[in-house]
Amino acid sequence: MAQQQAGAGPERIGNPERVPTKRAQVRALLEEMISTEIGPGDAIPSERTLVNDLGVSRVTVRQAIADLVESGRLERIQGKGTYVTGPQVNSRLHLTSFSREMRARGLAPATKVLSAAEVGAPGDVAERLGVAPGQMVIRVDRLRLADGTPMAHEIGFYPAKLFPGLLQRELGALYDVFATVYGVVATSGEQIVRADAADHNHARILGVPRRAPLLVQERVTRAGDQVIEFSTSWYRGDRYRIHMAVTPRGALG
């Protein structure tokens, strides 16, 4: 590559009189790249490649990337690189399956079953399901994706006596299986939402740094008066937001 004069970038950077700083110019070029050349989940070129291609300092490249990380256009994944952010979802608190919710937002849902087995119900699970401790339940561990991007890690428990042979069924869309195969339709649920930080296991499964923010949803689902599910879902905080309509109850003061 030809030697450039000190303080001057290659022609691609543009006229400094029109763009105040090289940091802003590099940021604009990265935004254009995101819009036209690479898509959600794709890695951007390495810092070294950008430094060589654009003829700017590593500090300038890092500052431009940091701006786009802060604005949500890019995300850093520890030990892997910097990627274009995937889909972000606004969710309303209502009883529906993950797959239906993603399709309603124009995203392609996918589910990876990490494990599934029949186990004795631990005490807290038995209490939530309304069964005796040690009674057989089906534990299903799944990774939920939208447009190929990991969105949530979910562990659900289901009374084995209600769903014989469930482990031989398709476990990607359980509510659909419950309705079509077993005639059990989810009618109501109770859900608790809390914040947490990703531990090593969730960071690995969801592809986020350790201690990254997570939204944790615990749900008890019923079909009529029968409890059919107790599940916990760990959603990526950078991918999932909860939308609620708030109405007054009682006197306001």
Protein backbone atom coordinates (compact mmCIF):
# COMPACT_ATOMS: atom_id res chain seq x y z
CA MET A 1 0.00 0.00 0.00
CA ALA A 2 1.37 3.43 -0.93
CA GLN A 3 2.69 5.61 1.89
CA GLN A 4 0.16 8.30 2.84
CA GLN A 5 0.89 11.76 4.15
CA ALA A 6 0.66 12.11 7.92
CA GLY A 7 -2.82 13.05 9.08
CA ALA A 8 -4.50 12.22 5.76
CA GLY A 9 -6.66 9.15 5.24
CA PRO A 10 -7.29 7.35 1.94
CA GLU A 11 -9.75 8.78 -0.55
CA ARG A 12 -12.52 6.55 0.87
CA ILE A 13 -12.51 8.53 4.11
CA GLY A 14 -13.64 11.66 2.31
CA ASN A 15 -12.97 15.37 2.74
CA PRO A 16 -12.30 16.32 6.39
CA GLU A 17 -13.91 19.69 5.71
CA ARG A 18 -17.24 17.94 5.15
CA VAL A 19 -16.93 15.46 8.02
CA PRO A 20 -15.50 16.94 11.24
CA THR A 21 -13.51 13.98 12.57
CA LYS A 22 -12.05 10.73 11.32
CA ARG A 23 -13.92 8.98 14.11
CA ALA A 24 -17.21 10.18 12.63
CA GLN A 25 -16.08 9.21 9.13
CA VAL A 26 -15.15 5.69 10.18
CA ARG A 27 -18.43 5.38 12.08
CA ALA A 28 -20.36 6.44 8.96
CA LEU A 29 -18.49 3.93 6.81
CA LEU A 30 -19.25 1.14 9.28
CA GLU A 31 -22.93 2.13 9.34
CA GLU A 32 -22.99 1.99 5.55
CA MET A 33 -21.34 -1.43 5.64
CA ILE A 34 -23.95 -2.66 8.12
CA SER A 35 -26.78 -1.38 5.91
CA THR A 36 -25.52 -2.65 2.56
CA GLU A 37 -22.89 -5.39 2.92
CA ILE A 38 -23.36 -7.42 6.10
CA GLY A 39 -26.40 -8.50 8.06
CA PRO A 40 -27.45 -9.32 11.62
CA GLY A 41 -25.17 -11.88 13.22
CA ASP A 42 -22.29 -11.23 10.79
CA ALA A 43 -18.87 -10.15 12.04
CA ILE A 44 -17.40 -6.84 10.97
CA PRO A 45 -13.78 -6.79 9.73
CA SER A 46 -11.12 -6.95 12.42
CA GLU A 47 -9.63 -3.78 13.87
CA ARG A 48 -6.36 -4.52 12.08
CA THR A 49 -8.15 -4.88 8.74
CA LEU A 50 -10.04 -1.63 9.24
CA VAL A 51 -6.84 0.19 10.22
CA ASN A 52 -5.08 -1.04 7.08
CA ASP A 53 -8.02 -0.47 4.72
CA LEU A 54 -8.95 2.98 6.00
CA GLY A 55 -5.53 4.33 6.86
CA VAL A 56 -6.52 5.51 10.31
CA SER A 57 -5.23 4.73 13.78
CA ARG A 58 -6.40 1.80 15.88
CA VAL A 59 -7.66 4.27 18.49
CA THR A 60 -9.93 5.91 15.89
CA VAL A 61 -11.31 2.53 14.82
CA ARG A 62 -11.96 1.48 18.41
CA GLN A 63 -13.75 4.75 19.17
CA ALA A 64 -16.01 4.39 16.11
CA ILE A 65 -16.83 0.80 17.00
CA ALA A 66 -17.52 1.81 20.61
CA ASP A 67 -20.00 4.43 19.37
CA LEU A 68 -21.90 1.78 17.39
CA VAL A 69 -21.84 -0.68 20.30
CA GLU A 70 -23.30 2.00 22.56
CA SER A 71 -26.04 2.80 20.01
CA GLY A 72 -26.94 -0.88 19.66
CA ARG A 73 -25.81 -1.36 16.05
CA LEU A 74 -22.90 -3.63 17.01
CA GLU A 75 -22.15 -6.02 19.86
CA ARG A 76 -18.86 -7.36 21.17
CA ILE A 77 -18.69 -11.06 22.01
CA GLN A 78 -15.78 -11.83 24.27
CA GLY A 79 -13.14 -13.98 22.60
CA LYS A 80 -14.93 -13.94 19.23
CA GLY A 81 -15.14 -10.43 17.79
CA THR A 82 -17.61 -7.69 17.00
CA TYR A 83 -20.90 -8.51 15.28
CA VAL A 84 -23.89 -6.75 13.78
CA THR A 85 -26.67 -6.96 16.32
CA GLY A 86 -29.50 -9.37 15.71
CA PRO A 87 -33.23 -8.82 16.11
CA GLN A 88 -34.66 -6.93 19.05
CA VAL A 89 -38.11 -7.88 20.27
CA ASN A 90 -40.73 -5.89 22.15
CA SER A 91 -42.84 -8.42 24.01
CA ARG A 92 -46.22 -7.95 25.63
CA LEU A 93 -46.92 -10.05 28.71
CA HIS A 94 -49.46 -12.49 27.32
CA LEU A 95 -49.80 -16.24 27.04
CA THR A 96 -48.41 -17.39 23.71
CA SER A 97 -45.66 -19.61 22.42
CA PHE A 98 -42.22 -18.23 21.59
CA SER A 99 -42.56 -19.37 17.97
CA ARG A 100 -45.87 -17.58 17.45
CA GLU A 101 -44.55 -14.43 19.09
CA MET A 102 -41.50 -14.33 16.81
CA ARG A 103 -43.55 -15.00 13.66
CA ALA A 104 -45.94 -12.19 14.64
CA ARG A 105 -42.93 -9.86 14.54
CA GLY A 106 -41.73 -11.05 11.16
CA LEU A 107 -38.86 -13.15 12.54
CA ALA A 108 -38.05 -16.77 11.76
CA PRO A 109 -38.18 -18.80 14.99
CA ALA A 110 -36.08 -21.87 15.65
CA THR A 111 -35.61 -24.12 18.66
CA LYS A 112 -32.62 -26.28 19.56
CA VAL A 113 -33.41 -28.96 22.13
CA LEU A 114 -30.37 -29.19 24.41
CA SER A 115 -31.71 -32.06 26.52
CA ALA A 116 -34.97 -33.79 27.45
CA ALA A 117 -35.59 -36.45 30.08
CA GLU A 118 -38.10 -37.81 32.56
CA VAL A 119 -36.97 -37.00 36.12
CA GLY A 120 -38.28 -36.94 39.66
CA ALA A 121 -39.69 -33.50 40.49
CA PRO A 122 -37.41 -31.44 42.76
CA GLY A 123 -39.17 -29.79 45.67
CA ASP A 124 -39.56 -26.32 44.15
CA VAL A 125 -40.75 -27.75 40.82
CA ALA A 126 -43.23 -30.07 42.57
CA GLU A 127 -44.67 -27.13 44.48
CA ARG A 128 -45.15 -25.06 41.32
CA LEU A 129 -46.73 -27.96 39.41
CA GLY A 130 -48.90 -29.05 42.33
CA VAL A 131 -47.49 -32.59 42.42
CA ALA A 132 -45.76 -34.65 45.08
CA PRO A 133 -41.96 -34.26 45.38
CA GLY A 134 -40.26 -36.98 43.37
CA GLN A 135 -43.27 -37.52 41.09
CA MET A 136 -42.15 -38.02 37.50
CA VAL A 137 -42.02 -34.91 35.33
CA ILE A 138 -40.56 -34.23 31.91
CA ARG A 139 -37.69 -31.73 31.90
CA VAL A 140 -37.03 -30.00 28.56
CA ASP A 141 -34.01 -27.74 28.09
CA ARG A 142 -34.16 -25.58 24.94
CA LEU A 143 -32.36 -22.73 23.18
CA ARG A 144 -34.68 -20.30 21.39
CA LEU A 145 -33.51 -18.40 18.31
CA ALA A 146 -34.95 -15.70 16.05
CA ASP A 147 -33.49 -15.19 12.58
CA GLY A 148 -30.61 -17.39 13.71
CA THR A 149 -29.78 -15.24 16.75
CA PRO A 150 -29.94 -16.79 20.24
CA MET A 151 -32.73 -15.10 22.17
CA ALA A 152 -33.51 -17.22 25.22
CA HIS A 153 -32.51 -20.30 27.17
CA GLU A 154 -35.55 -22.10 28.55
CA ILE A 155 -35.99 -24.97 31.00
CA GLY A 156 -39.52 -26.31 31.39
CA PHE A 157 -41.11 -29.03 33.53
CA TYR A 158 -44.31 -30.89 32.59
CA PRO A 159 -46.27 -33.57 34.51
CA ALA A 160 -45.37 -36.90 32.88
CA LYS A 161 -48.79 -38.43 33.59
CA LEU A 162 -50.46 -35.75 31.44
CA PHE A 163 -48.16 -36.25 28.46
CA PRO A 164 -47.23 -39.94 28.01
CA GLY A 165 -44.76 -40.44 25.20
CA LEU A 166 -43.89 -36.73 25.01
CA LEU A 167 -40.18 -37.46 24.70
CA GLN A 168 -40.88 -39.17 21.37
CA ARG A 169 -42.65 -36.06 20.04
CA GLU A 170 -41.35 -32.89 18.41
CA LEU A 171 -40.31 -30.65 21.31
CA GLY A 172 -39.81 -27.40 19.43
CA ALA A 173 -43.39 -26.11 19.84
CA LEU A 174 -44.78 -27.77 22.95
CA TYR A 175 -48.04 -25.83 23.23
CA ASP A 176 -48.97 -26.99 19.71
CA VAL A 177 -48.11 -30.59 20.60
CA PHE A 178 -50.15 -30.40 23.80
CA ALA A 179 -53.20 -29.16 21.87
CA THR A 180 -53.03 -31.40 18.79
CA VAL A 181 -51.74 -34.65 20.33
CA TYR A 182 -53.07 -34.57 23.89
CA GLY A 183 -56.06 -32.24 23.60
CA VAL A 184 -54.61 -30.01 26.31
CA VAL A 185 -54.92 -26.28 25.56
CA ALA A 186 -53.14 -23.64 27.62
CA THR A 187 -55.75 -21.21 28.92
CA SER A 188 -54.05 -19.08 31.57
CA GLY A 189 -50.75 -18.44 33.26
CA GLU A 190 -48.89 -16.50 35.89
CA GLN A 191 -45.55 -14.95 35.11
CA ILE A 192 -42.84 -13.28 37.17
CA VAL A 193 -40.10 -11.20 35.54
CA ARG A 194 -36.81 -10.33 37.22
CA ALA A 195 -33.34 -9.17 36.21
CA ASP A 196 -30.18 -11.24 36.46
CA ALA A 197 -26.63 -11.38 35.14
CA ALA A 198 -25.40 -14.16 32.87
CA ASP A 199 -23.37 -16.84 34.62
CA HIS A 200 -20.82 -18.96 32.76
CA ASN A 201 -23.44 -21.44 31.55
CA HIS A 202 -25.93 -18.90 30.21
CA ALA A 203 -23.14 -16.81 28.68
CA ARG A 204 -21.96 -19.87 26.75
CA ILE A 205 -25.44 -20.92 25.60
CA LEU A 206 -26.63 -17.44 24.60
CA GLY A 207 -23.32 -16.21 23.18
CA VAL A 208 -23.00 -13.22 25.51
CA PRO A 209 -20.28 -12.07 27.92
CA ARG A 210 -20.40 -13.21 31.52
CA ARG A 211 -22.51 -10.88 33.65
CA ALA A 212 -24.37 -9.59 30.60
CA PRO A 213 -27.91 -8.46 31.54
CA LEU A 214 -30.68 -11.04 31.30
CA LEU A 215 -34.43 -10.88 31.74
CA VAL A 216 -35.64 -13.96 33.62
CA GLN A 217 -39.26 -15.05 33.23
CA GLU A 218 -40.79 -17.72 35.47
CA ARG A 219 -44.12 -19.01 34.24
CA VAL A 220 -46.78 -21.35 35.61
CA THR A 221 -49.24 -22.34 32.85
CA ARG A 222 -52.68 -23.92 33.28
CA ALA A 223 -55.21 -25.70 31.13
CA GLY A 224 -58.37 -24.91 33.01
CA ASP A 225 -57.60 -25.75 36.65
CA GLN A 226 -54.75 -28.14 35.77
CA VAL A 227 -51.16 -26.88 35.98
CA ILE A 228 -49.36 -28.15 32.88
CA GLU A 229 -46.06 -26.26 32.94
CA PHE A 230 -43.49 -24.60 35.13
CA SER A 231 -40.77 -22.95 33.06
CA THR A 232 -37.92 -20.50 33.49
CA SER A 233 -36.61 -18.53 30.51
CA TRP A 234 -33.43 -16.45 30.47
CA TYR A 235 -33.78 -13.79 27.75
CA ARG A 236 -30.90 -11.69 26.47
CA GLY A 237 -31.35 -8.19 27.83
CA ASP A 238 -30.03 -6.66 24.60
CA ARG A 239 -32.59 -8.55 22.52
CA TYR A 240 -35.76 -8.52 24.57
CA ARG A 241 -37.87 -5.72 25.98
CA ILE A 242 -41.21 -5.95 27.77
CA HIS A 243 -44.03 -3.68 26.67
CA MET A 244 -46.92 -3.06 29.06
CA ALA A 245 -50.00 -0.88 28.96
CA VAL A 246 -50.45 0.71 32.37
CA THR A 247 -53.91 1.66 33.64
CA PRO A 248 -54.87 3.27 36.96
CA ARG A 249 -56.23 1.12 39.75
CA GLY A 250 -57.77 2.83 42.74
CA ALA A 251 -57.11 6.43 43.70
CA LEU A 252 -54.16 8.27 42.21
CA GLY A 253 -52.34 10.70 44.43
